[in-house]
Amino acid sequence: SQFAKKGVEVDHHRSPFHYPILTVPTGVTVALLIGGIPW
């Protein structure tokens, strides 16, 4: 999405996708439900 923006760029490291406390448990839970313990 940064490619399409003009003017001042926003640090994407401050987006919710870069909140480890949020994304890691979410990602692990979804992977567990879909693919089991290995995933």
Full PDB file with SEQRES, HELIX, SHEET, SSBOND, CRYST1, ORIGX, SCALE, CONECT and MASTER records, all heavy atoms in Angstrom:
SEQRES   1 A   39  SER GLN PHE ALA LYS LYS GLY VAL GLU VAL ASP HIS HIS          
SEQRES   2 A   39  ARG SER PRO PHE HIS TYR PRO ILE LEU THR VAL PRO THR          
SEQRES   3 A   39  GLY VAL THR VAL ALA LEU LEU ILE GLY GLY ILE PRO TRP          
HELIX    1 AA1 GLN A    2  ALA A    4  5                                   3    
HELIX    2 AA2 HIS A   12  ARG A   14  5                                   3    
HELIX    3 AA3 PRO A   16  HIS A   18  5                                   3    
HELIX    4 AA4 PRO A   20  GLY A   35  1                                  16    
CRYST1    1.000    1.000    1.000  90.00  90.00  90.00 P 1           1          
ORIGX1      1.000000  0.000000  0.000000        0.00000                         
ORIGX2      0.000000  1.000000  0.000000        0.00000                         
ORIGX3      0.000000  0.000000  1.000000        0.00000                         
SCALE1      1.000000  0.000000  0.000000        0.00000                         
SCALE2      0.000000  1.000000  0.000000        0.00000                         
SCALE3      0.000000  0.000000  1.000000        0.00000                         
ATOM      1  N   SER A   1       0.824  -1.206   0.000  1.00  0.00           N  
ATOM      2  CA  SER A   1       0.000   0.000   0.000  1.00  0.00           C  
ATOM      3  C   SER A   1       0.860   1.260   0.000  1.00  0.00           C  
ATOM      4  O   SER A   1       0.417   2.332  -0.419  1.00  0.00           O  
ATOM      5  CB  SER A   1      -0.933   0.015   1.212  1.00  0.00           C  
ATOM      6  OG  SER A   1      -0.190   0.104   2.425  1.00  0.00           O  
ATOM      7  N   GLN A   2       2.123   1.126   0.451  1.00  0.00           N  
ATOM      8  CA  GLN A   2       3.024   2.274   0.461  1.00  0.00           C  
ATOM      9  C   GLN A   2       3.332   2.736  -0.962  1.00  0.00           C  
ATOM     10  O   GLN A   2       3.601   3.912  -1.201  1.00  0.00           O  
ATOM     11  CB  GLN A   2       4.334   1.911   1.176  1.00  0.00           C  
ATOM     12  CG  GLN A   2       4.190   1.649   2.661  1.00  0.00           C  
ATOM     13  CD  GLN A   2       3.992   2.924   3.458  1.00  0.00           C  
ATOM     14  OE1 GLN A   2       4.284   4.012   2.992  1.00  0.00           O  
ATOM     15  NE2 GLN A   2       3.489   2.788   4.667  1.00  0.00           N  
ATOM     16  N   PHE A   3       3.300   1.783  -1.909  1.00  0.00           N  
ATOM     17  CA  PHE A   3       3.615   2.130  -3.294  1.00  0.00           C  
ATOM     18  C   PHE A   3       2.630   3.144  -3.859  1.00  0.00           C  
ATOM     19  O   PHE A   3       2.973   3.962  -4.708  1.00  0.00           O  
ATOM     20  CB  PHE A   3       3.595   0.871  -4.180  1.00  0.00           C  
ATOM     21  CG  PHE A   3       4.693  -0.107  -3.870  1.00  0.00           C  
ATOM     22  CD1 PHE A   3       4.689  -1.367  -4.442  1.00  0.00           C  
ATOM     23  CD2 PHE A   3       5.727   0.222  -3.009  1.00  0.00           C  
ATOM     24  CE1 PHE A   3       5.695  -2.276  -4.167  1.00  0.00           C  
ATOM     25  CE2 PHE A   3       6.741  -0.676  -2.721  1.00  0.00           C  
ATOM     26  CZ  PHE A   3       6.721  -1.932  -3.302  1.00  0.00           C  
ATOM     27  N   ALA A   4       1.390   3.059  -3.383  1.00  0.00           N  
ATOM     28  CA  ALA A   4       0.337   3.905  -3.946  1.00  0.00           C  
ATOM     29  C   ALA A   4       0.234   5.255  -3.246  1.00  0.00           C  
ATOM     30  O   ALA A   4      -0.429   6.160  -3.741  1.00  0.00           O  
ATOM     31  CB  ALA A   4      -0.999   3.184  -3.864  1.00  0.00           C  
ATOM     32  N   LYS A   5       0.910   5.394  -2.106  1.00  0.00           N  
ATOM     33  CA  LYS A   5       0.786   6.635  -1.347  1.00  0.00           C  
ATOM     34  C   LYS A   5       1.733   7.702  -1.874  1.00  0.00           C  
ATOM     35  O   LYS A   5       2.825   7.418  -2.332  1.00  0.00           O  
ATOM     36  CB  LYS A   5       1.083   6.379   0.132  1.00  0.00           C  
ATOM     37  CG  LYS A   5       0.027   5.526   0.825  1.00  0.00           C  
ATOM     38  CD  LYS A   5       0.377   5.331   2.292  1.00  0.00           C  
ATOM     39  CE  LYS A   5      -0.682   4.500   2.999  1.00  0.00           C  
ATOM     40  NZ  LYS A   5      -0.353   4.276   4.424  1.00  0.00           N  
ATOM     41  N   LYS A   6       1.291   8.935  -1.779  1.00  0.00           N  
ATOM     42  CA  LYS A   6       2.121  10.064  -2.171  1.00  0.00           C  
ATOM     43  C   LYS A   6       2.274  11.005  -0.979  1.00  0.00           C  
ATOM     44  O   LYS A   6       1.398  11.095  -0.129  1.00  0.00           O  
ATOM     45  CB  LYS A   6       1.516  10.799  -3.364  1.00  0.00           C  
ATOM     46  CG  LYS A   6       1.446   9.951  -4.634  1.00  0.00           C  
ATOM     47  CD  LYS A   6       0.869  10.748  -5.793  1.00  0.00           C  
ATOM     48  CE  LYS A   6       0.814   9.898  -7.054  1.00  0.00           C  
ATOM     49  NZ  LYS A   6       0.251  10.653  -8.203  1.00  0.00           N  
ATOM     50  N   GLY A   7       3.394  11.691  -0.941  1.00  0.00           N  
ATOM     51  CA  GLY A   7       3.633  12.603   0.174  1.00  0.00           C  
ATOM     52  C   GLY A   7       4.399  11.920   1.292  1.00  0.00           C  
ATOM     53  O   GLY A   7       5.254  11.090   1.049  1.00  0.00           O  
ATOM     54  N   VAL A   8       4.078  12.249   2.524  1.00  0.00           N  
ATOM     55  CA  VAL A   8       4.785  11.712   3.680  1.00  0.00           C  
ATOM     56  C   VAL A   8       4.481  10.223   3.837  1.00  0.00           C  
ATOM     57  O   VAL A   8       3.323   9.813   3.851  1.00  0.00           O  
ATOM     58  CB  VAL A   8       4.382  12.454   4.972  1.00  0.00           C  
ATOM     59  CG1 VAL A   8       5.095  11.852   6.174  1.00  0.00           C  
ATOM     60  CG2 VAL A   8       4.726  13.933   4.846  1.00  0.00           C  
ATOM     61  N   GLU A   9       5.532   9.416   3.929  1.00  0.00           N  
ATOM     62  CA  GLU A   9       5.350   7.983   4.102  1.00  0.00           C  
ATOM     63  C   GLU A   9       5.128   7.661   5.575  1.00  0.00           C  
ATOM     64  O   GLU A   9       5.681   8.299   6.459  1.00  0.00           O  
ATOM     65  CB  GLU A   9       6.565   7.219   3.568  1.00  0.00           C  
ATOM     66  CG  GLU A   9       6.729   7.342   2.068  1.00  0.00           C  
ATOM     67  CD  GLU A   9       7.769   6.368   1.533  1.00  0.00           C  
ATOM     68  OE1 GLU A   9       7.783   5.208   1.958  1.00  0.00           O  
ATOM     69  OE2 GLU A   9       8.576   6.789   0.694  1.00  0.00           O  
ATOM     70  N   VAL A  10       4.326   6.635   5.818  1.00  0.00           N  
ATOM     71  CA  VAL A  10       4.023   6.196   7.177  1.00  0.00           C  
ATOM     72  C   VAL A  10       4.830   4.933   7.475  1.00  0.00           C  
ATOM     73  O   VAL A  10       4.967   4.055   6.622  1.00  0.00           O  
ATOM     74  CB  VAL A  10       2.519   5.902   7.341  1.00  0.00           C  
ATOM     75  CG1 VAL A  10       2.222   5.394   8.743  1.00  0.00           C  
ATOM     76  CG2 VAL A  10       1.707   7.147   7.035  1.00  0.00           C  
ATOM     77  N   ASP A  11       5.382   4.863   8.674  1.00  0.00           N  
ATOM     78  CA  ASP A  11       6.159   3.694   9.066  1.00  0.00           C  
ATOM     79  C   ASP A  11       5.235   2.493   9.246  1.00  0.00           C  
ATOM     80  O   ASP A  11       4.455   2.439  10.191  1.00  0.00           O  
ATOM     81  CB  ASP A  11       6.916   3.997  10.368  1.00  0.00           C  
ATOM     82  CG  ASP A  11       7.777   2.828  10.828  1.00  0.00           C  
ATOM     83  OD1 ASP A  11       7.954   1.884  10.041  1.00  0.00           O  
ATOM     84  OD2 ASP A  11       8.264   2.882  11.967  1.00  0.00           O  
ATOM     85  N   HIS A  12       5.315   1.509   8.351  1.00  0.00           N  
ATOM     86  CA  HIS A  12       4.408   0.367   8.445  1.00  0.00           C  
ATOM     87  C   HIS A  12       4.745  -0.531   9.635  1.00  0.00           C  
ATOM     88  O   HIS A  12       3.964  -1.424   9.978  1.00  0.00           O  
ATOM     89  CB  HIS A  12       4.392  -0.438   7.140  1.00  0.00           C  
ATOM     90  CG  HIS A  12       5.566  -1.344   6.950  1.00  0.00           C  
ATOM     91  ND1 HIS A  12       6.807  -0.867   6.604  1.00  0.00           N  
ATOM     92  CD2 HIS A  12       5.693  -2.687   7.056  1.00  0.00           C  
ATOM     93  CE1 HIS A  12       7.648  -1.880   6.506  1.00  0.00           C  
ATOM     94  NE2 HIS A  12       7.001  -2.993   6.775  1.00  0.00           N  
ATOM     95  N   HIS A  13       5.885  -0.317  10.273  1.00  0.00           N  
ATOM     96  CA  HIS A  13       6.197  -1.063  11.501  1.00  0.00           C  
ATOM     97  C   HIS A  13       5.300  -0.638  12.657  1.00  0.00           C  
ATOM     98  O   HIS A  13       5.340  -1.254  13.721  1.00  0.00           O  
ATOM     99  CB  HIS A  13       7.666  -0.861  11.890  1.00  0.00           C  
ATOM    100  CG  HIS A  13       8.604  -1.738  11.122  1.00  0.00           C  
ATOM    101  ND1 HIS A  13       9.898  -1.982  11.519  1.00  0.00           N  
ATOM    102  CD2 HIS A  13       8.432  -2.433   9.971  1.00  0.00           C  
ATOM    103  CE1 HIS A  13      10.488  -2.779  10.640  1.00  0.00           C  
ATOM    104  NE2 HIS A  13       9.616  -3.061   9.691  1.00  0.00           N  
ATOM    105  N   ARG A  14       4.517   0.404  12.457  1.00  0.00           N  
ATOM    106  CA  ARG A  14       3.581   0.847  13.491  1.00  0.00           C  
ATOM    107  C   ARG A  14       2.142   0.440  13.163  1.00  0.00           C  
ATOM    108  O   ARG A  14       1.211   0.894  13.819  1.00  0.00           O  
ATOM    109  CB  ARG A  14       3.680   2.355  13.697  1.00  0.00           C  
ATOM    110  CG  ARG A  14       4.931   2.747  14.458  1.00  0.00           C  
ATOM    111  CD  ARG A  14       4.858   4.144  15.037  1.00  0.00           C  
ATOM    112  NE  ARG A  14       5.889   4.332  16.056  1.00  0.00           N  
ATOM    113  CZ  ARG A  14       5.750   4.031  17.343  1.00  0.00           C  
ATOM    114  NH1 ARG A  14       4.623   3.518  17.770  1.00  0.00           N  
ATOM    115  NH2 ARG A  14       6.728   4.224  18.197  1.00  0.00           N  
ATOM    116  N   SER A  15       1.973  -0.416  12.173  1.00  0.00           N  
ATOM    117  CA  SER A  15       0.632  -0.912  11.868  1.00  0.00           C  
ATOM    118  C   SER A  15       0.315  -2.097  12.776  1.00  0.00           C  
ATOM    119  O   SER A  15       1.215  -2.704  13.369  1.00  0.00           O  
ATOM    120  CB  SER A  15       0.558  -1.356  10.404  1.00  0.00           C  
ATOM    121  OG  SER A  15       1.154  -2.641  10.249  1.00  0.00           O  
ATOM    122  N   PRO A  16      -0.955  -2.463  12.923  1.00  0.00           N  
ATOM    123  CA  PRO A  16      -1.330  -3.606  13.775  1.00  0.00           C  
ATOM    124  C   PRO A  16      -0.649  -4.912  13.369  1.00  0.00           C  
ATOM    125  O   PRO A  16      -0.511  -5.818  14.195  1.00  0.00           O  
ATOM    126  CB  PRO A  16      -2.852  -3.699  13.587  1.00  0.00           C  
ATOM    127  CG  PRO A  16      -3.264  -2.302  13.252  1.00  0.00           C  
ATOM    128  CD  PRO A  16      -2.140  -1.749  12.421  1.00  0.00           C  
ATOM    129  N   PHE A  17      -0.231  -5.010  12.103  1.00  0.00           N  
ATOM    130  CA  PHE A  17       0.446  -6.232  11.656  1.00  0.00           C  
ATOM    131  C   PHE A  17       1.827  -6.390  12.300  1.00  0.00           C  
ATOM    132  O   PHE A  17       2.431  -7.453  12.217  1.00  0.00           O  
ATOM    133  CB  PHE A  17       0.594  -6.242  10.131  1.00  0.00           C  
ATOM    134  CG  PHE A  17      -0.723  -6.301   9.406  1.00  0.00           C  
ATOM    135  CD1 PHE A  17      -1.237  -5.184   8.777  1.00  0.00           C  
ATOM    136  CD2 PHE A  17      -1.463  -7.476   9.374  1.00  0.00           C  
ATOM    137  CE1 PHE A  17      -2.454  -5.229   8.112  1.00  0.00           C  
ATOM    138  CE2 PHE A  17      -2.675  -7.532   8.719  1.00  0.00           C  
ATOM    139  CZ  PHE A  17      -3.175  -6.400   8.081  1.00  0.00           C  
ATOM    140  N   HIS A  18       2.313  -5.328  12.923  1.00  0.00           N  
ATOM    141  CA  HIS A  18       3.603  -5.386  13.586  1.00  0.00           C  
ATOM    142  C   HIS A  18       3.463  -5.247  15.107  1.00  0.00           C  
ATOM    143  O   HIS A  18       4.352  -4.724  15.772  1.00  0.00           O  
ATOM    144  CB  HIS A  18       4.546  -4.311  13.033  1.00  0.00           C  
ATOM    145  CG  HIS A  18       5.188  -4.717  11.743  1.00  0.00           C  
ATOM    146  ND1 HIS A  18       4.554  -4.603  10.539  1.00  0.00           N  
ATOM    147  CD2 HIS A  18       6.406  -5.258  11.480  1.00  0.00           C  
ATOM    148  CE1 HIS A  18       5.339  -5.041   9.573  1.00  0.00           C  
ATOM    149  NE2 HIS A  18       6.472  -5.447  10.120  1.00  0.00           N  
ATOM    150  N   TYR A  19       2.347  -5.730  15.630  1.00  0.00           N  
ATOM    151  CA  TYR A  19       2.144  -5.806  17.076  1.00  0.00           C  
ATOM    152  C   TYR A  19       2.276  -7.283  17.474  1.00  0.00           C  
ATOM    153  O   TYR A  19       1.299  -8.029  17.446  1.00  0.00           O  
ATOM    154  CB  TYR A  19       0.757  -5.303  17.471  1.00  0.00           C  
ATOM    155  CG  TYR A  19       0.497  -3.833  17.236  1.00  0.00           C  
ATOM    156  CD1 TYR A  19      -0.799  -3.324  17.284  1.00  0.00           C  
ATOM    157  CD2 TYR A  19       1.541  -2.944  16.964  1.00  0.00           C  
ATOM    158  CE1 TYR A  19      -1.049  -1.978  17.077  1.00  0.00           C  
ATOM    159  CE2 TYR A  19       1.295  -1.593  16.747  1.00  0.00           C  
ATOM    160  CZ  TYR A  19       0.000  -1.115  16.805  1.00  0.00           C  
ATOM    161  OH  TYR A  19      -0.248   0.220  16.596  1.00  0.00           O  
ATOM    162  N   PRO A  20       3.467  -7.735  17.857  1.00  0.00           N  
ATOM    163  CA  PRO A  20       3.690  -9.167  18.125  1.00  0.00           C  
ATOM    164  C   PRO A  20       2.740  -9.763  19.151  1.00  0.00           C  
ATOM    165  O   PRO A  20       2.303 -10.919  18.996  1.00  0.00           O  
ATOM    166  CB  PRO A  20       5.134  -9.203  18.640  1.00  0.00           C  
ATOM    167  CG  PRO A  20       5.774  -7.993  18.060  1.00  0.00           C  
ATOM    168  CD  PRO A  20       4.706  -6.948  18.026  1.00  0.00           C  
ATOM    169  N   ILE A  21       2.406  -9.007  20.199  1.00  0.00           N  
ATOM    170  CA  ILE A  21       1.522  -9.543  21.243  1.00  0.00           C  
ATOM    171  C   ILE A  21       0.141  -9.853  20.670  1.00  0.00           C  
ATOM    172  O   ILE A  21      -0.572 -10.729  21.170  1.00  0.00           O  
ATOM    173  CB  ILE A  21       1.421  -8.548  22.418  1.00  0.00           C  
ATOM    174  CG1 ILE A  21       2.785  -8.429  23.117  1.00  0.00           C  
ATOM    175  CG2 ILE A  21       0.358  -8.972  23.421  1.00  0.00           C  
ATOM    176  CD1 ILE A  21       2.804  -7.437  24.267  1.00  0.00           C  
ATOM    177  N   LEU A  22      -0.237  -9.167  19.596  1.00  0.00           N  
ATOM    178  CA  LEU A  22      -1.515  -9.408  18.932  1.00  0.00           C  
ATOM    179  C   LEU A  22      -1.406 -10.491  17.863  1.00  0.00           C  
ATOM    180  O   LEU A  22      -2.207 -11.427  17.815  1.00  0.00           O  
ATOM    181  CB  LEU A  22      -2.032  -8.108  18.307  1.00  0.00           C  
ATOM    182  CG  LEU A  22      -3.238  -8.224  17.365  1.00  0.00           C  
ATOM    183  CD1 LEU A  22      -4.473  -8.652  18.150  1.00  0.00           C  
ATOM    184  CD2 LEU A  22      -3.483  -6.892  16.649  1.00  0.00           C  
ATOM    185  N   THR A  23      -0.397 -10.360  17.008  1.00  0.00           N  
ATOM    186  CA  THR A  23      -0.345 -11.199  15.811  1.00  0.00           C  
ATOM    187  C   THR A  23       0.184 -12.609  16.043  1.00  0.00           C  
ATOM    188  O   THR A  23      -0.289 -13.550  15.407  1.00  0.00           O  
ATOM    189  CB  THR A  23       0.515 -10.525  14.734  1.00  0.00           C  
ATOM    190  OG1 THR A  23       1.813 -10.252  15.277  1.00  0.00           O  
ATOM    191  CG2 THR A  23      -0.113  -9.214  14.277  1.00  0.00           C  
ATOM    192  N   VAL A  24       1.167 -12.770  16.936  1.00  0.00           N  
ATOM    193  CA  VAL A  24       1.721 -14.111  17.141  1.00  0.00           C  
ATOM    194  C   VAL A  24       0.685 -15.073  17.723  1.00  0.00           C  
ATOM    195  O   VAL A  24       0.469 -16.160  17.164  1.00  0.00           O  
ATOM    196  CB  VAL A  24       2.990 -14.059  18.015  1.00  0.00           C  
ATOM    197  CG1 VAL A  24       3.462 -15.481  18.350  1.00  0.00           C  
ATOM    198  CG2 VAL A  24       4.113 -13.310  17.290  1.00  0.00           C  
ATOM    199  N   PRO A  25       0.001 -14.728  18.824  1.00  0.00           N  
ATOM    200  CA  PRO A  25      -1.039 -15.643  19.320  1.00  0.00           C  
ATOM    201  C   PRO A  25      -2.156 -15.882  18.300  1.00  0.00           C  
ATOM    202  O   PRO A  25      -2.657 -17.004  18.170  1.00  0.00           O  
ATOM    203  CB  PRO A  25      -1.575 -14.920  20.562  1.00  0.00           C  
ATOM    204  CG  PRO A  25      -0.471 -14.028  20.996  1.00  0.00           C  
ATOM    205  CD  PRO A  25       0.172 -13.566  19.727  1.00  0.00           C  
ATOM    206  N   THR A  26      -2.534 -14.819  17.583  1.00  0.00           N  
ATOM    207  CA  THR A  26      -3.583 -14.975  16.565  1.00  0.00           C  
ATOM    208  C   THR A  26      -3.137 -15.923  15.465  1.00  0.00           C  
ATOM    209  O   THR A  26      -3.873 -16.834  15.063  1.00  0.00           O  
ATOM    210  CB  THR A  26      -3.953 -13.611  15.957  1.00  0.00           C  
ATOM    211  OG1 THR A  26      -4.404 -12.728  16.979  1.00  0.00           O  
ATOM    212  CG2 THR A  26      -5.045 -13.773  14.909  1.00  0.00           C  
ATOM    213  N   GLY A  27      -1.915 -15.701  14.964  1.00  0.00           N  
ATOM    214  CA  GLY A  27      -1.392 -16.547  13.903  1.00  0.00           C  
ATOM    215  C   GLY A  27      -1.246 -17.994  14.330  1.00  0.00           C  
ATOM    216  O   GLY A  27      -1.584 -18.924  13.574  1.00  0.00           O  
ATOM    217  N   VAL A  28      -0.752 -18.213  15.537  1.00  0.00           N  
ATOM    218  CA  VAL A  28      -0.577 -19.576  16.051  1.00  0.00           C  
ATOM    219  C   VAL A  28      -1.929 -20.265  16.212  1.00  0.00           C  
ATOM    220  O   VAL A  28      -2.082 -21.450  15.857  1.00  0.00           O  
ATOM    221  CB  VAL A  28       0.184 -19.550  17.395  1.00  0.00           C  
ATOM    222  CG1 VAL A  28       0.131 -20.922  18.065  1.00  0.00           C  
ATOM    223  CG2 VAL A  28       1.632 -19.131  17.174  1.00  0.00           C  
ATOM    224  N   THR A  29      -2.920 -19.537  16.720  1.00  0.00           N  
ATOM    225  CA  THR A  29      -4.254 -20.117  16.926  1.00  0.00           C  
ATOM    226  C   THR A  29      -4.895 -20.518  15.599  1.00  0.00           C  
ATOM    227  O   THR A  29      -5.438 -21.628  15.462  1.00  0.00           O  
ATOM    228  CB  THR A  29      -5.169 -19.118  17.661  1.00  0.00           C  
ATOM    229  OG1 THR A  29      -4.587 -18.796  18.929  1.00  0.00           O  
ATOM    230  CG2 THR A  29      -6.550 -19.719  17.868  1.00  0.00           C  
ATOM    231  N   VAL A  30      -4.826 -19.620  14.611  1.00  0.00           N  
ATOM    232  CA  VAL A  30      -5.397 -19.923  13.295  1.00  0.00           C  
ATOM    233  C   VAL A  30      -4.676 -21.109  12.660  1.00  0.00           C  
ATOM    234  O   VAL A  30      -5.313 -22.021  12.106  1.00  0.00           O  
ATOM    235  CB  VAL A  30      -5.307 -18.687  12.382  1.00  0.00           C  
ATOM    236  CG1 VAL A  30      -5.725 -19.050  10.956  1.00  0.00           C  
ATOM    237  CG2 VAL A  30      -6.187 -17.560  12.911  1.00  0.00           C  
ATOM    238  N   ALA A  31      -3.343 -21.128  12.747  1.00  0.00           N  
ATOM    239  CA  ALA A  31      -2.567 -22.233  12.173  1.00  0.00           C  
ATOM    240  C   ALA A  31      -2.890 -23.553  12.864  1.00  0.00           C  
ATOM    241  O   ALA A  31      -2.959 -24.607  12.216  1.00  0.00           O  
ATOM    242  CB  ALA A  31      -1.070 -21.926  12.278  1.00  0.00           C  
ATOM    243  N   LEU A  32      -3.092 -23.500  14.179  1.00  0.00           N  
ATOM    244  CA  LEU A  32      -3.430 -24.709  14.934  1.00  0.00           C  
ATOM    245  C   LEU A  32      -4.772 -25.268  14.490  1.00  0.00           C  
ATOM    246  O   LEU A  32      -4.937 -26.487  14.315  1.00  0.00           O  
ATOM    247  CB  LEU A  32      -3.456 -24.386  16.427  1.00  0.00           C  
ATOM    248  CG  LEU A  32      -3.811 -25.538  17.376  1.00  0.00           C  
ATOM    249  CD1 LEU A  32      -2.760 -26.634  17.303  1.00  0.00           C  
ATOM    250  CD2 LEU A  32      -3.946 -25.021  18.804  1.00  0.00           C  
ATOM    251  N   LEU A  33      -5.742 -24.384  14.286  1.00  0.00           N  
ATOM    252  CA  LEU A  33      -7.082 -24.820  13.876  1.00  0.00           C  
ATOM    253  C   LEU A  33      -7.078 -25.388  12.460  1.00  0.00           C  
ATOM    254  O   LEU A  33      -7.818 -26.323  12.149  1.00  0.00           O  
ATOM    255  CB  LEU A  33      -8.056 -23.645  13.966  1.00  0.00           C  
ATOM    256  CG  LEU A  33      -8.352 -23.115  15.377  1.00  0.00           C  
ATOM    257  CD1 LEU A  33      -9.230 -21.875  15.307  1.00  0.00           C  
ATOM    258  CD2 LEU A  33      -9.015 -24.196  16.226  1.00  0.00           C  
ATOM    259  N   ILE A  34      -6.235 -24.825  11.601  1.00  0.00           N  
ATOM    260  CA  ILE A  34      -6.217 -25.255  10.199  1.00  0.00           C  
ATOM    261  C   ILE A  34      -5.300 -26.450   9.968  1.00  0.00           C  
ATOM    262  O   ILE A  34      -5.646 -27.405   9.275  1.00  0.00           O  
ATOM    263  CB  ILE A  34      -5.786 -24.088   9.285  1.00  0.00           C  
ATOM    264  CG1 ILE A  34      -6.825 -22.965   9.345  1.00  0.00           C  
ATOM    265  CG2 ILE A  34      -5.596 -24.568   7.843  1.00  0.00           C  
ATOM    266  CD1 ILE A  34      -6.430 -21.729   8.547  1.00  0.00           C  
ATOM    267  N   GLY A  35      -4.087 -26.396  10.546  1.00  0.00           N  
ATOM    268  CA  GLY A  35      -3.086 -27.415  10.224  1.00  0.00           C  
ATOM    269  C   GLY A  35      -2.558 -28.216  11.387  1.00  0.00           C  
ATOM    270  O   GLY A  35      -1.654 -29.048  11.199  1.00  0.00           O  
ATOM    271  N   GLY A  36      -3.063 -27.973  12.588  1.00  0.00           N  
ATOM    272  CA  GLY A  36      -2.601 -28.746  13.726  1.00  0.00           C  
ATOM    273  C   GLY A  36      -1.311 -28.213  14.325  1.00  0.00           C  
ATOM    274  O   GLY A  36      -0.835 -27.123  13.976  1.00  0.00           O  
ATOM    275  N   ILE A  37      -0.720 -28.997  15.219  1.00  0.00           N  
ATOM    276  CA  ILE A  37       0.461 -28.572  15.961  1.00  0.00           C  
ATOM    277  C   ILE A  37       1.639 -28.210  15.066  1.00  0.00           C  
ATOM    278  O   ILE A  37       2.314 -27.193  15.308  1.00  0.00           O  
ATOM    279  CB  ILE A  37       0.873 -29.660  16.977  1.00  0.00           C  
ATOM    280  CG1 ILE A  37      -0.202 -29.773  18.069  1.00  0.00           C  
ATOM    281  CG2 ILE A  37       2.231 -29.342  17.607  1.00  0.00           C  
ATOM    282  CD1 ILE A  37       0.068 -30.858  19.087  1.00  0.00           C  
ATOM    283  N   PRO A  38       1.961 -28.993  14.009  1.00  0.00           N  
ATOM    284  CA  PRO A  38       3.116 -28.617  13.164  1.00  0.00           C  
ATOM    285  C   PRO A  38       3.002 -27.206  12.608  1.00  0.00           C  
ATOM    286  O   PRO A  38       3.970 -26.437  12.655  1.00  0.00           O  
ATOM    287  CB  PRO A  38       3.099 -29.674  12.051  1.00  0.00           C  
ATOM    288  CG  PRO A  38       2.431 -30.858  12.676  1.00  0.00           C  
ATOM    289  CD  PRO A  38       1.381 -30.284  13.581  1.00  0.00           C  
ATOM    290  N   TRP A  39       1.831 -26.862  12.111  1.00  0.00           N  
ATOM    291  CA  TRP A  39       1.678 -25.535  11.517  1.00  0.00           C  
ATOM    292  C   TRP A  39       1.594 -24.440  12.562  1.00  0.00           C  
ATOM    293  O   TRP A  39       1.972 -23.296  12.310  1.00  0.00           O  
ATOM    294  CB  TRP A  39       0.458 -25.501  10.592  1.00  0.00           C  
ATOM    295  CG  TRP A  39       0.794 -26.088   9.258  1.00  0.00           C  
ATOM    296  CD1 TRP A  39       0.429 -27.312   8.783  1.00  0.00           C  
ATOM    297  CD2 TRP A  39       1.621 -25.493   8.267  1.00  0.00           C  
ATOM    298  NE1 TRP A  39       0.979 -27.520   7.537  1.00  0.00           N  
ATOM    299  CE2 TRP A  39       1.713 -26.416   7.192  1.00  0.00           C  
ATOM    300  CE3 TRP A  39       2.294 -24.286   8.167  1.00  0.00           C  
ATOM    301  CZ2 TRP A  39       2.448 -26.156   6.042  1.00  0.00           C  
ATOM    302  CZ3 TRP A  39       3.028 -24.021   7.026  1.00  0.00           C  
ATOM    303  CH2 TRP A  39       3.102 -24.934   5.977  1.00  0.00           C  
TER     304      TRP A  39                                                      
MASTER        0    0    0    4    0    0    0    6  303    1    0    3          
END                                                                             
